[in-house]
C-alpha atoms as a PDB file:
ATOM      1  CA  MET A   1       0.815 179.920-238.411  1.00  0.00           C
ATOM      2  CA  ILE A   2       1.858 183.515-237.042  1.00  0.00           C
ATOM      3  CA  LYS A   3       0.014 184.360-233.830  1.00  0.00           C
ATOM      4  CA  VAL A   4       0.058 187.756-232.850  1.00  0.00           C
ATOM      5  CA  LEU A   5      -1.230 188.951-229.543  1.00  0.00           C
ATOM      6  CA  ILE A   6      -2.240 192.220-228.272  1.00  0.00           C
ATOM      7  CA  ASN A   7      -3.575 193.626-225.111  1.00  0.00           C
ATOM      8  CA  ASP A   8      -7.473 193.924-225.675  1.00  0.00           C
ATOM      9  CA  SER A   9      -7.752 197.877-225.049  1.00  0.00           C
ATOM     10  CA  GLY A  10     -10.601 198.674-226.998  1.00  0.00           C
ATOM     11  CA  GLN A  11      -9.109 201.683-228.236  1.00  0.00           C
ATOM     12  CA  ARG A  12     -10.043 202.748-232.087  1.00  0.00           C
ATOM     13  CA  HIS A  13      -6.142 202.154-233.573  1.00  0.00           C
ATOM     14  CA  GLN A  14      -6.319 198.619-231.753  1.00  0.00           C
ATOM     15  CA  LYS A  15      -8.779 197.873-234.385  1.00  0.00           C
ATOM     16  CA  ILE A  16      -7.356 199.586-237.230  1.00  0.00           C
ATOM     17  CA  ILE A  17      -4.093 197.616-236.268  1.00  0.00           C
ATOM     18  CA  GLU A  18      -5.936 194.383-236.158  1.00  0.00           C
ATOM     19  CA  LYS A  19      -7.603 194.601-239.630  1.00  0.00           C
ATOM     20  CA  SER A  20      -4.171 195.183-241.315  1.00  0.00           C
ATOM     21  CA  LEU A  21      -2.680 192.401-239.976  1.00  0.00           C
ATOM     22  CA  GLU A  22      -5.627 190.211-240.748  1.00  0.00           C
ATOM     23  CA  LYS A  23      -5.244 191.612-244.244  1.00  0.00           C
ATOM     24  CA  GLU A  24      -1.256 189.920-244.322  1.00  0.00           C
ATOM     25  CA  GLY A  25      -3.117 186.864-243.204  1.00  0.00           C
ATOM     26  CA  TYR A  26      -1.425 186.849-239.431  1.00  0.00           C
ATOM     27  CA  THR A  27      -3.559 185.117-236.734  1.00  0.00           C
ATOM     28  CA  ILE A  28      -4.774 187.823-233.706  1.00  0.00           C
ATOM     29  CA  LEU A  29      -4.821 186.659-230.401  1.00  0.00           C
ATOM     30  CA  LYS A  30      -6.629 189.262-227.434  1.00  0.00           C
ATOM     31  CA  GLU A  31      -6.448 189.353-224.218  1.00  0.00           C
ATOM     32  CA  LYS A  32      -6.537 191.594-221.240  1.00  0.00           C
ATOM     33  CA  ILE A  33      -2.971 191.678-220.193  1.00  0.00           C
ATOM     34  CA  SER A  34      -1.327 193.199-217.079  1.00  0.00           C
ATOM     35  CA  GLU A  35       2.040 192.842-215.023  1.00  0.00           C
ATOM     36  CA  SER A  36      -0.248 189.992-213.057  1.00  0.00           C
ATOM     37  CA  ASN A  37      -0.963 187.647-215.672  1.00  0.00           C
ATOM     38  CA  ILE A  38       1.049 188.172-218.551  1.00  0.00           C
ATOM     39  CA  ARG A  39       3.515 185.644-218.268  1.00  0.00           C
ATOM     40  CA  GLN A  40       0.579 183.215-217.936  1.00  0.00           C
ATOM     41  CA  ILE A  41      -0.907 184.523-220.973  1.00  0.00           C
ATOM     42  CA  LEU A  42       2.320 183.919-222.881  1.00  0.00           C
ATOM     43  CA  GLN A  43       3.115 180.307-221.580  1.00  0.00           C
ATOM     44  CA  LYS A  44      -0.983 179.150-222.513  1.00  0.00           C
ATOM     45  CA  LEU A  45      -1.116 181.172-225.440  1.00  0.00           C
ATOM     46  CA  ARG A  46       2.386 180.877-227.006  1.00  0.00           C
ATOM     47  CA  PRO A  47       2.154 184.126-229.225  1.00  0.00           C
ATOM     48  CA  THR A  48       4.748 184.227-231.908  1.00  0.00           C
ATOM     49  CA  VAL A  49       4.765 188.187-231.813  1.00  0.00           C
ATOM     50  CA  LEU A  50       3.744 190.630-228.430  1.00  0.00           C
ATOM     51  CA  LEU A  51       2.229 194.126-230.234  1.00  0.00           C
ATOM     52  CA  PRO A  52       1.402 196.617-227.490  1.00  0.00           C
ATOM     53  CA  ILE A  53      -0.622 199.112-228.416  1.00  0.00           C
ATOM     54  CA  THR A  54      -1.120 201.535-225.300  1.00  0.00           C
ATOM     55  CA  ILE A  55       1.492 203.603-223.300  1.00  0.00           C
ATOM     56  CA  GLU A  56       0.935 201.485-220.512  1.00  0.00           C
ATOM     57  CA  ASP A  57       1.741 198.302-222.795  1.00  0.00           C
ATOM     58  CA  PHE A  58       5.120 199.808-223.753  1.00  0.00           C
ATOM     59  CA  LYS A  59       5.841 200.718-220.047  1.00  0.00           C
ATOM     60  CA  LEU A  60       5.181 197.306-218.849  1.00  0.00           C
ATOM     61  CA  PHE A  61       6.595 195.220-221.888  1.00  0.00           C
ATOM     62  CA  SER A  62       9.751 197.137-222.253  1.00  0.00           C
ATOM     63  CA  LYS A  63      10.020 196.561-218.190  1.00  0.00           C
ATOM     64  CA  ILE A  64       9.742 192.672-218.861  1.00  0.00           C
ATOM     65  CA  LYS A  65      11.134 192.508-222.250  1.00  0.00           C
ATOM     66  CA  LYS A  66      13.662 189.920-221.373  1.00  0.00           C
ATOM     67  CA  ASP A  67      11.554 187.616-219.679  1.00  0.00           C
ATOM     68  CA  ILE A  68       9.415 188.024-222.712  1.00  0.00           C
ATOM     69  CA  LEU A  69      12.336 186.808-225.198  1.00  0.00           C
ATOM     70  CA  LYS A  70      13.016 184.003-222.790  1.00  0.00           C
ATOM     71  CA  LEU A  71       9.294 182.679-223.245  1.00  0.00           C
ATOM     72  CA  GLY A  72       9.906 182.432-226.827  1.00  0.00           C
ATOM     73  CA  THR A  73       7.969 185.417-227.832  1.00  0.00           C
ATOM     74  CA  LYS A  74       9.507 188.178-230.104  1.00  0.00           C
ATOM     75  CA  ILE A  75       8.888 191.762-228.956  1.00  0.00           C
ATOM     76  CA  LEU A  76      10.344 195.307-230.475  1.00  0.00           C
ATOM     77  CA  ILE A  77      10.823 197.598-228.166  1.00  0.00           C
ATOM     78  CA  ALA A  78      13.095 199.702-226.438  1.00  0.00           C
ATOM     79  CA  ASP A  79      14.926 198.596-223.130  1.00  0.00           C
ATOM     80  CA  TYR A  80      13.067 200.643-220.479  1.00  0.00           C
ATOM     81  CA  ASN A  81      15.304 202.825-219.539  1.00  0.00           C
ATOM     82  CA  THR A  82      15.892 203.962-223.152  1.00  0.00           C
ATOM     83  CA  TRP A  83      12.073 204.097-223.626  1.00  0.00           C
ATOM     84  CA  PHE A  84      11.486 206.010-220.550  1.00  0.00           C
ATOM     85  CA  GLN A  85      13.812 209.142-221.989  1.00  0.00           C
ATOM     86  CA  TYR A  86      11.259 209.197-224.905  1.00  0.00           C
ATOM     87  CA  TYR A  87       8.689 208.867-222.799  1.00  0.00           C
ATOM     88  CA  ASP A  88       9.063 211.400-220.274  1.00  0.00           C
ATOM     89  CA  LYS A  89       8.494 215.008-221.524  1.00  0.00           C
ATOM     90  CA  TYR A  90      11.310 216.280-219.460  1.00  0.00           C
ATOM     91  CA  LEU A  91      13.791 213.769-219.631  1.00  0.00           C
ATOM     92  CA  CYS A  92      12.864 214.039-223.563  1.00  0.00           C
ATOM     93  CA  LEU A  93      13.667 217.583-223.857  1.00  0.00           C
ATOM     94  CA  ASN A  94      17.223 216.677-222.596  1.00  0.00           C
ATOM     95  CA  LEU A  95      17.527 214.363-225.733  1.00  0.00           C
ATOM     96  CA  VAL A  96      16.058 217.190-228.065  1.00  0.00           C
ATOM     97  CA  SER A  97      18.176 220.005-226.871  1.00  0.00           C
ATOM     98  CA  LYS A  98      21.231 217.860-227.431  1.00  0.00           C
ATOM     99  CA  ALA A  99      20.411 216.831-230.966  1.00  0.00           C
ATOM    100  CA  ASN A 100      19.992 220.554-231.317  1.00  0.00           C
ATOM    101  CA  ILE A 101      15.961 220.515-232.243  1.00  0.00           C
ATOM    102  CA  PRO A 102      14.111 223.679-231.454  1.00  0.00           C
ATOM    103  CA  TYR A 103      11.577 223.490-228.983  1.00  0.00           C
ATOM    104  CA  PRO A 104       9.933 225.507-226.853  1.00  0.00           C
ATOM    105  CA  LYS A 105      10.921 227.592-223.789  1.00  0.00           C
ATOM    106  CA  SER A 106      10.005 225.118-221.052  1.00  0.00           C
ATOM    107  CA  VAL A 107      10.438 225.228-217.125  1.00  0.00           C
ATOM    108  CA  ARG A 108       9.622 222.171-214.820  1.00  0.00           C
ATOM    109  CA  ILE A 109       8.398 223.708-211.786  1.00  0.00           C
ATOM    110  CA  PHE A 110       7.044 221.399-208.585  1.00  0.00           C
ATOM    111  CA  SER A 111       3.996 223.789-207.491  1.00  0.00           C
ATOM    112  CA  SER A 112       1.397 226.092-208.217  1.00  0.00           C
ATOM    113  CA  GLN A 113       3.223 228.889-206.056  1.00  0.00           C
ATOM    114  CA  GLU A 114       6.620 228.863-208.400  1.00  0.00           C
ATOM    115  CA  ILE A 115       4.454 229.587-211.362  1.00  0.00           C
ATOM    116  CA  LYS A 116       5.077 233.546-211.335  1.00  0.00           C
ATOM    117  CA  ASP A 117       8.425 233.467-210.567  1.00  0.00           C
ATOM    118  CA  ALA A 118       8.978 230.494-213.672  1.00  0.00           C
ATOM    119  CA  ILE A 119       6.764 233.128-216.363  1.00  0.00           C
ATOM    120  CA  LYS A 120       9.237 236.034-215.079  1.00  0.00           C
ATOM    121  CA  LYS A 121      12.129 234.747-215.107  1.00  0.00           C
ATOM    122  CA  TYR A 122      11.952 232.689-218.632  1.00  0.00           C
ATOM    123  CA  LYS A 123       9.917 235.631-220.168  1.00  0.00           C
ATOM    124  CA  LEU A 124       7.000 233.560-220.681  1.00  0.00           C
ATOM    125  CA  ASN A 125       4.169 235.640-222.634  1.00  0.00           C
ATOM    126  CA  PHE A 126       0.437 234.115-222.074  1.00  0.00           C
ATOM    127  CA  PRO A 127      -0.716 231.971-223.688  1.00  0.00           C
ATOM    128  CA  ILE A 128       1.260 228.948-221.622  1.00  0.00           C
ATOM    129  CA  VAL A 129       0.696 225.597-221.871  1.00  0.00           C
ATOM    130  CA  ILE A 130       0.894 223.637-218.828  1.00  0.00           C
ATOM    131  CA  LYS A 131       1.238 219.743-219.522  1.00  0.00           C
ATOM    132  CA  TYR A 132       2.325 216.836-216.893  1.00  0.00           C
ATOM    133  CA  PRO A 133       5.316 214.972-218.253  1.00  0.00           C
ATOM    134  CA  GLN A 134       3.940 211.836-218.094  1.00  0.00           C
ATOM    135  CA  GLU A 135       0.987 210.428-220.075  1.00  0.00           C
ATOM    136  CA  GLY A 136      -2.403 211.405-218.623  1.00  0.00           C
ATOM    137  CA  GLY A 137      -4.433 212.132-222.402  1.00  0.00           C
ATOM    138  CA  SER A 138      -5.777 215.849-222.980  1.00  0.00           C
ATOM    139  CA  ARG A 139      -6.746 216.328-219.140  1.00  0.00           C
ATOM    140  CA  PHE A 140      -3.213 217.004-218.481  1.00  0.00           C
ATOM    141  CA  VAL A 141      -2.467 219.395-221.034  1.00  0.00           C
ATOM    142  CA  LYS A 142      -3.633 222.788-220.684  1.00  0.00           C
ATOM    143  CA  PHE A 143      -3.624 226.384-222.441  1.00  0.00           C
ATOM    144  CA  ALA A 144      -3.477 229.365-219.333  1.00  0.00           C
ATOM    145  CA  TYR A 145      -4.309 233.037-220.713  1.00  0.00           C
ATOM    146  CA  SER A 146      -3.878 234.452-217.201  1.00  0.00           C
ATOM    147  CA  LEU A 147      -1.543 233.456-213.569  1.00  0.00           C
ATOM    148  CA  SER A 148      -4.765 232.658-212.334  1.00  0.00           C
ATOM    149  CA  GLN A 149      -5.521 230.329-214.584  1.00  0.00           C
ATOM    150  CA  ALA A 150      -2.083 228.801-214.836  1.00  0.00           C
ATOM    151  CA  ILE A 151      -2.412 228.414-211.092  1.00  0.00           C
ATOM    152  CA  ASP A 152      -5.826 227.077-211.198  1.00  0.00           C
ATOM    153  CA  ILE A 153      -4.818 224.045-214.017  1.00  0.00           C
ATOM    154  CA  ILE A 154      -2.029 223.104-211.459  1.00  0.00           C
ATOM    155  CA  ASN A 155      -4.259 222.747-208.983  1.00  0.00           C
ATOM    156  CA  GLU A 156      -7.005 220.711-211.094  1.00  0.00           C
ATOM    157  CA  PHE A 157      -3.756 218.509-212.112  1.00  0.00           C
ATOM    158  CA  THR A 158      -3.010 217.682-208.377  1.00  0.00           C
ATOM    159  CA  LYS A 159      -6.929 216.914-207.848  1.00  0.00           C
ATOM    160  CA  ASN A 160      -7.048 214.873-210.717  1.00  0.00           C
ATOM    161  CA  GLY A 161      -4.052 212.588-209.703  1.00  0.00           C
ATOM    162  CA  ALA A 162      -1.095 214.436-211.134  1.00  0.00           C
ATOM    163  CA  ASN A 163       2.151 213.875-208.508  1.00  0.00           C
ATOM    164  CA  ILE A 164       3.396 216.895-209.067  1.00  0.00           C
ATOM    165  CA  LYS A 165       5.430 217.205-206.158  1.00  0.00           C
ATOM    166  CA  SER A 166       7.443 214.463-207.187  1.00  0.00           C
ATOM    167  CA  ILE A 167       7.672 214.712-210.957  1.00  0.00           C
ATOM    168  CA  GLY A 168       6.585 218.247-211.413  1.00  0.00           C
ATOM    169  CA  VAL A 169       4.779 219.642-214.501  1.00  0.00           C
ATOM    170  CA  LEU A 170       5.863 221.276-217.605  1.00  0.00           C
ATOM    171  CA  VAL A 171       5.296 225.395-218.032  1.00  0.00           C
ATOM    172  CA  GLN A 172       6.167 225.895-222.061  1.00  0.00           C
ATOM    173  CA  GLU A 173       5.849 228.684-224.562  1.00  0.00           C
ATOM    174  CA  TYR A 174       3.113 228.265-226.912  1.00  0.00           C
ATOM    175  CA  ILE A 175       4.166 227.990-230.246  1.00  0.00           C
ATOM    176  CA  GLU A 176       1.699 229.166-233.244  1.00  0.00           C
ATOM    177  CA  GLY A 177       1.987 226.707-236.411  1.00  0.00           C
ATOM    178  CA  GLN A 178       0.620 223.855-237.673  1.00  0.00           C
ATOM    179  CA  SER A 179       0.805 220.235-236.059  1.00  0.00           C
ATOM    180  CA  CYS A 180       2.670 217.421-237.572  1.00  0.00           C
ATOM    181  CA  GLY A 181       4.158 214.430-236.932  1.00  0.00           C
ATOM    182  CA  TYR A 182       6.979 212.319-237.718  1.00  0.00           C
ATOM    183  CA  PHE A 183       6.793 208.364-237.491  1.00  0.00           C
ATOM    184  CA  ALA A 184       9.251 205.830-237.490  1.00  0.00           C
ATOM    185  CA  LEU A 185      10.011 202.125-237.027  1.00  0.00           C
ATOM    186  CA  ALA A 186      13.517 201.471-235.901  1.00  0.00           C
ATOM    187  CA  ILE A 187      16.167 198.979-234.287  1.00  0.00           C
ATOM    188  CA  ASP A 188      19.035 200.259-232.219  1.00  0.00           C
ATOM    189  CA  GLY A 189      18.466 203.661-233.909  1.00  0.00           C
ATOM    190  CA  ASN A 190      18.602 202.769-237.575  1.00  0.00           C
ATOM    191  CA  ILE A 191      15.402 203.811-239.062  1.00  0.00           C
ATOM    192  CA  ILE A 192      13.379 201.133-241.178  1.00  0.00           C
ATOM    193  CA  ALA A 193      10.166 202.501-241.946  1.00  0.00           C
ATOM    194  CA  GLU A 194       9.442 206.570-241.496  1.00  0.00           C
ATOM    195  CA  PHE A 195       6.410 208.793-242.246  1.00  0.00           C
ATOM    196  CA  GLY A 196       4.973 212.160-242.123  1.00  0.00           C
ATOM    197  CA  HIS A 197       1.966 213.987-241.548  1.00  0.00           C
ATOM    198  CA  ILE A 198       0.119 217.208-240.932  1.00  0.00           C
ATOM    199  CA  ARG A 199      -3.328 217.767-239.459  1.00  0.00           C
ATOM    200  CA  THR A 200      -5.701 220.196-241.123  1.00  0.00           C
ATOM    201  CA  ARG A 201      -8.137 219.478-237.956  1.00  0.00           C
ATOM    202  CA  GLU A 202      -7.276 218.363-234.796  1.00  0.00           C
ATOM    203  CA  ASN A 203      -9.823 217.721-231.439  1.00  0.00           C
ATOM    204  CA  PRO A 204      -9.858 220.058-229.663  1.00  0.00           C
ATOM    205  CA  PRO A 205      -9.421 222.658-232.247  1.00  0.00           C
ATOM    206  CA  TRP A 206      -6.069 224.380-230.531  1.00  0.00           C
ATOM    207  CA  GLY A 207      -4.381 221.132-230.092  1.00  0.00           C
ATOM    208  CA  GLY A 208      -5.162 217.540-229.953  1.00  0.00           C
ATOM    209  CA  VAL A 209      -6.173 214.202-231.832  1.00  0.00           C
ATOM    210  CA  SER A 210      -6.346 214.114-235.280  1.00  0.00           C
ATOM    211  CA  CYS A 211      -9.551 214.441-236.988  1.00  0.00           C
ATOM    212  CA  VAL A 212      -8.773 214.654-240.695  1.00  0.00           C
ATOM    213  CA  CYS A 213      -4.826 214.526-241.553  1.00  0.00           C
ATOM    214  CA  GLU A 214      -2.744 214.132-245.082  1.00  0.00           C
ATOM    215  CA  SER A 215       0.651 212.732-245.767  1.00  0.00           C
ATOM    216  CA  PHE A 216       3.310 215.384-245.282  1.00  0.00           C
ATOM    217  CA  TYR A 217       7.160 215.435-245.917  1.00  0.00           C
ATOM    218  CA  SER A 218       9.807 218.038-245.201  1.00  0.00           C
ATOM    219  CA  GLU A 219      13.150 217.025-245.258  1.00  0.00           C
ATOM    220  CA  LYS A 220      14.102 219.144-241.930  1.00  0.00           C
ATOM    221  CA  MET A 221      10.916 217.685-240.201  1.00  0.00           C
ATOM    222  CA  PHE A 222      12.029 214.086-240.891  1.00  0.00           C
ATOM    223  CA  ASN A 223      16.283 215.286-240.143  1.00  0.00           C
ATOM    224  CA  TYR A 224      14.876 216.110-236.595  1.00  0.00           C
ATOM    225  CA  GLY A 225      13.276 212.810-236.499  1.00  0.00           C
ATOM    226  CA  ARG A 226      15.577 210.945-237.144  1.00  0.00           C
ATOM    227  CA  LYS A 227      18.660 212.657-235.100  1.00  0.00           C
ATOM    228  CA  LEU A 228      15.814 211.949-232.214  1.00  0.00           C
ATOM    229  CA  ILE A 229      15.324 208.637-232.825  1.00  0.00           C
ATOM    230  CA  ASN A 230      19.115 208.029-233.227  1.00  0.00           C
ATOM    231  CA  ILE A 231      20.477 209.870-230.272  1.00  0.00           C
ATOM    232  CA  LYS A 232      19.855 206.720-227.853  1.00  0.00           C
ATOM    233  CA  LYS A 233      19.466 204.173-230.288  1.00  0.00           C
ATOM    234  CA  TYR A 234      15.909 203.795-229.609  1.00  0.00           C
ATOM    235  CA  THR A 235      13.876 200.507-230.722  1.00  0.00           C
ATOM    236  CA  GLY A 236      10.147 200.046-231.410  1.00  0.00           C
ATOM    237  CA  VAL A 237       7.832 202.322-232.954  1.00  0.00           C
ATOM    238  CA  CYS A 238       7.599 206.281-232.294  1.00  0.00           C
ATOM    239  CA  MET A 239       5.874 209.090-232.874  1.00  0.00           C
ATOM    240  CA  ILE A 240       7.308 213.087-232.398  1.00  0.00           C
ATOM    241  CA  GLU A 241       4.981 215.905-232.550  1.00  0.00           C
ATOM    242  CA  PHE A 242       6.286 218.946-234.252  1.00  0.00           C
ATOM    243  CA  LYS A 243       4.565 222.426-234.776  1.00  0.00           C
ATOM    244  CA  LYS A 244       5.489 224.083-238.307  1.00  0.00           C
ATOM    245  CA  THR A 245       5.788 227.943-238.279  1.00  0.00           C
ATOM    246  CA  LYS A 246       5.372 230.294-240.659  1.00  0.00           C
ATOM    247  CA  ASP A 247       8.958 230.623-241.622  1.00  0.00           C
ATOM    248  CA  GLU A 248       9.092 226.728-241.875  1.00  0.00           C
ATOM    249  CA  GLU A 249      10.833 226.160-238.800  1.00  0.00           C
ATOM    250  CA  PHE A 250       9.443 222.765-236.801  1.00  0.00           C
ATOM    251  CA  TYR A 251       9.822 222.613-233.072  1.00  0.00           C
ATOM    252  CA  TRP A 252       9.597 219.839-231.005  1.00  0.00           C
ATOM    253  CA  ILE A 253       6.598 219.728-229.008  1.00  0.00           C
ATOM    254  CA  GLU A 254       6.354 215.947-227.650  1.00  0.00           C
ATOM    255  CA  THR A 255       7.629 212.392-228.425  1.00  0.00           C
ATOM    256  CA  ASN A 256       5.186 209.590-227.772  1.00  0.00           C
ATOM    257  CA  PRO A 257       6.920 205.942-228.012  1.00  0.00           C
ATOM    258  CA  LYS A 258       4.038 204.048-228.810  1.00  0.00           C
ATOM    259  CA  PHE A 259       1.616 203.226-231.750  1.00  0.00           C
ATOM    260  CA  TRP A 260      -0.343 206.656-232.342  1.00  0.00           C
ATOM    261  CA  GLY A 261      -3.921 206.741-232.790  1.00  0.00           C
ATOM    262  CA  SER A 262      -3.716 208.244-236.702  1.00  0.00           C
ATOM    263  CA  ILE A 263      -1.936 204.907-237.166  1.00  0.00           C
ATOM    264  CA  LEU A 264      -4.383 204.435-240.558  1.00  0.00           C
ATOM    265  CA  LEU A 265      -3.110 207.337-242.595  1.00  0.00           C
ATOM    266  CA  PRO A 266       0.541 205.744-243.182  1.00  0.00           C
ATOM    267  CA  ILE A 267      -1.299 201.917-243.528  1.00  0.00           C
ATOM    268  CA  VAL A 268      -3.062 203.658-246.830  1.00  0.00           C
ATOM    269  CA  CYS A 269      -0.409 205.497-248.011  1.00  0.00           C
ATOM    270  CA  GLY A 270       1.684 202.309-248.208  1.00  0.00           C
ATOM    271  CA  VAL A 271       3.601 202.639-244.688  1.00  0.00           C
ATOM    272  CA  ASN A 272       1.791 199.509-242.573  1.00  0.00           C
ATOM    273  CA  PHE A 273       3.983 199.857-239.483  1.00  0.00           C
ATOM    274  CA  PRO A 274       1.901 197.145-237.453  1.00  0.00           C
ATOM    275  CA  VAL A 275       2.881 194.549-240.816  1.00  0.00           C
ATOM    276  CA  LEU A 276       6.242 195.936-240.523  1.00  0.00           C
ATOM    277  CA  TYR A 277       6.740 195.647-236.638  1.00  0.00           C
ATOM    278  CA  VAL A 278       5.918 192.180-236.955  1.00  0.00           C
ATOM    279  CA  LYS A 279       8.192 191.565-240.081  1.00  0.00           C
ATOM    280  CA  LEU A 280      10.945 192.651-238.223  1.00  0.00           C
ATOM    281  CA  ALA A 281      10.430 191.527-235.039  1.00  0.00           C
ATOM    282  CA  LEU A 282      10.313 187.895-236.622  1.00  0.00           C
ATOM    283  CA  GLY A 283      14.071 188.990-238.157  1.00  0.00           C
ATOM    284  CA  GLU A 284      12.749 188.968-242.172  1.00  0.00           C
ATOM    285  CA  ASN A 285      14.243 191.274-244.048  1.00  0.00           C
ATOM    286  CA  ILE A 286      12.681 194.267-244.851  1.00  0.00           C
ATOM    287  CA  THR A 287      13.020 196.615-247.872  1.00  0.00           C
ATOM    288  CA  PRO A 288      13.316 200.203-246.132  1.00  0.00           C
ATOM    289  CA  LYS A 289      10.692 202.431-246.570  1.00  0.00           C
ATOM    290  CA  LEU A 290      12.288 205.735-246.138  1.00  0.00           C
ATOM    291  CA  GLY A 291      11.980 209.636-247.166  1.00  0.00           C
ATOM    292  CA  ASN A 292       9.462 210.885-249.181  1.00  0.00           C
ATOM    293  CA  SER A 293       8.495 207.210-250.783  1.00  0.00           C
ATOM    294  CA  PHE A 294       4.691 207.182-249.706  1.00  0.00           C
ATOM    295  CA  LYS A 295       1.760 207.792-250.900  1.00  0.00           C
ATOM    296  CA  LYS A 296      -0.139 211.306-250.967  1.00  0.00           C
ATOM    297  CA  LEU A 297      -3.371 211.057-249.463  1.00  0.00           C
ATOM    298  CA  LYS A 298      -5.988 212.733-247.044  1.00  0.00           C
ATOM    299  CA  ILE A 299      -7.645 210.393-244.287  1.00  0.00           C
ATOM    300  CA  GLN A 300     -10.999 211.728-242.141  1.00  0.00           C
ATOM    301  CA  TYR A 301     -11.798 210.125-238.738  1.00  0.00           C
ATOM    302  CA  LEU A 302     -15.572 210.446-239.316  1.00  0.00           C
ATOM    303  CA  LEU A 303     -16.992 210.571-235.713  1.00  0.00           C
ATOM    304  CA  CYS A 304     -13.879 212.256-234.315  1.00  0.00           C
ATOM    305  CA  ASP A 305     -14.475 215.000-237.165  1.00  0.00           C
ATOM    306  CA  ILE A 306     -18.062 214.975-236.450  1.00  0.00           C
ATOM    307  CA  LYS A 307     -17.786 215.328-232.872  1.00  0.00           C
ATOM    308  CA  ARG A 308     -15.202 218.295-232.809  1.00  0.00           C
ATOM    309  CA  ALA A 309     -17.609 220.105-235.210  1.00  0.00           C
ATOM    310  CA  ILE A 310     -20.483 219.810-232.910  1.00  0.00           C
ATOM    311  CA  LYS A 311     -18.394 220.569-229.577  1.00  0.00           C
ATOM    312  CA  TYR A 312     -16.052 223.456-230.657  1.00  0.00           C
ATOM    313  CA  ARG A 313     -16.850 224.510-234.863  1.00  0.00           C
ATOM    314  CA  LYS A 314     -20.453 224.195-235.667  1.00  0.00           C
ATOM    315  CA  LEU A 315     -19.929 225.766-238.654  1.00  0.00           C
ATOM    316  CA  ASP A 316     -17.165 223.457-239.674  1.00  0.00           C
ATOM    317  CA  ILE A 317     -19.873 220.705-240.313  1.00  0.00           C
ATOM    318  CA  ILE A 318     -19.438 221.955-243.887  1.00  0.00           C
ATOM    319  CA  LYS A 319     -16.120 220.937-244.037  1.00  0.00           C
ATOM    320  CA  VAL A 320     -17.178 217.373-242.371  1.00  0.00           C
ATOM    321  CA  ILE A 321     -19.589 216.730-245.139  1.00  0.00           C
ATOM    322  CA  ILE A 322     -17.328 218.226-248.097  1.00  0.00           C
ATOM    323  CA  ASP A 323     -14.405 215.457-247.157  1.00  0.00           C
ATOM    324  CA  PHE A 324     -16.897 212.753-246.598  1.00  0.00           C
ATOM    325  CA  ILE A 325     -18.458 213.148-250.002  1.00  0.00           C
ATOM    326  CA  ASN A 326     -14.820 213.708-251.724  1.00  0.00           C
ATOM    327  CA  PRO A 327     -14.142 210.333-253.033  1.00  0.00           C
ATOM    328  CA  LYS A 328     -10.231 211.511-252.634  1.00  0.00           C
ATOM    329  CA  VAL A 329     -10.515 211.887-249.016  1.00  0.00           C
ATOM    330  CA  LYS A 330     -10.019 207.814-247.129  1.00  0.00           C
ATOM    331  CA  LYS A 331     -12.352 207.388-244.266  1.00  0.00           C
ATOM    332  CA  ASP A 332     -11.288 205.221-241.418  1.00  0.00           C
ATOM    333  CA  ILE A 333     -15.206 204.216-241.939  1.00  0.00           C
ATOM    334  CA  PHE A 334     -15.079 202.276-244.940  1.00  0.00           C
ATOM    335  CA  TYR A 335     -11.233 201.157-244.079  1.00  0.00           C
ATOM    336  CA  LEU A 336     -13.032 199.065-240.851  1.00  0.00           C
ATOM    337  CA  GLY A 337     -16.144 198.322-242.735  1.00  0.00           C
ATOM    338  CA  VAL A 338     -19.567 200.362-242.073  1.00  0.00           C
ATOM    339  CA  LYS A 339     -20.467 197.380-239.833  1.00  0.00           C
ATOM    340  CA  ASP A 340     -17.509 197.050-237.619  1.00  0.00           C
ATOM    341  CA  TYR A 341     -17.522 200.401-237.480  1.00  0.00           C
ATOM    342  CA  PHE A 342     -20.570 201.121-235.818  1.00  0.00           C
ATOM    343  CA  LEU A 343     -20.178 197.593-233.669  1.00  0.00           C
ATOM    344  CA  PHE A 344     -17.337 199.076-232.443  1.00  0.00           C
ATOM    345  CA  TYR A 345     -18.400 202.139-231.346  1.00  0.00           C
ATOM    346  CA  ILE A 346     -22.163 201.155-230.143  1.00  0.00           C
ATOM    347  CA  ASN A 347     -19.990 198.567-227.635  1.00  0.00           C
ATOM    348  CA  LYS A 348     -17.819 201.492-226.428  1.00  0.00           C
ATOM    349  CA  ILE A 349     -20.915 203.259-225.767  1.00  0.00           C
ATOM    350  CA  PHE A 350     -22.293 200.702-223.780  1.00  0.00           C
ATOM    351  CA  LYS A 351     -18.979 199.450-222.086  1.00  0.00           C
ATOM    352  CA  SER A 352     -18.564 203.232-220.792  1.00  0.00           C
END
């Protein structure tokens, strides 16, 4: 019996990952894992494979990777120093530059007082994107349409806990285009599986999580993604976000070295990253899933799509309905099952 241990994060894509692994016959173990209890949990449960879900999982597990392996549990993750270079947006920008991948004009500053000089020096036009170099969700990615708004955003980041004095904040040129993603599973830079998607609707509409997306292939984008994975011999799963411009260029936006929220799309398209992760961690022989080999499908994350329409674009509720009644558009609600789907979200509401 192969036991897969997952940190019980309560996230939507965790449920999807669990479902995909259960369908393959794996036994799922769920625990609330932290730095203080992980060793005891591993010793007690003796899982075959440890599968990280959140960015915090990846950060912790990469730090203690050697200890995890010593306890007899398999894990597929980069060493911490390598992983951190992909995680930190400023450090990853250096990798992107070395790989000759297009990226927005970017500057790191350490206080709101530096913003005016940075805009002038790098000839940035409004709107600009301001983001914290490390993970913090949508609250640490904002668009500024004026200098005063940019200053307010940086001050807001500080109030929300961003350590700007030491880590800084990234100020970037805004790239007009459609959001795309390149996804990979690799070991020592050798890519075993890859996938691409393009976002049809995002929450928020100007850049955020996928509400509706579809499988997408571009040789140029895939080559950019491959170069970035290979440059530091990355191990594990990774998502690289790009913006596709009207002239068919792809600009790197950020890298997320973890499992991603839209994981269901590659699963239904035949690239089951969670299952492939487990098989690769176990050392099984895997037929690589590379290039334009996946099914061409579109998926709707129903509640996300409804929330987006209600909050930002009320007229888009028509698009929500059209996609929902279209049998060719896959839905997360039917993959999880209607009952489990609503029980999951009701549970989240009561816990919050």
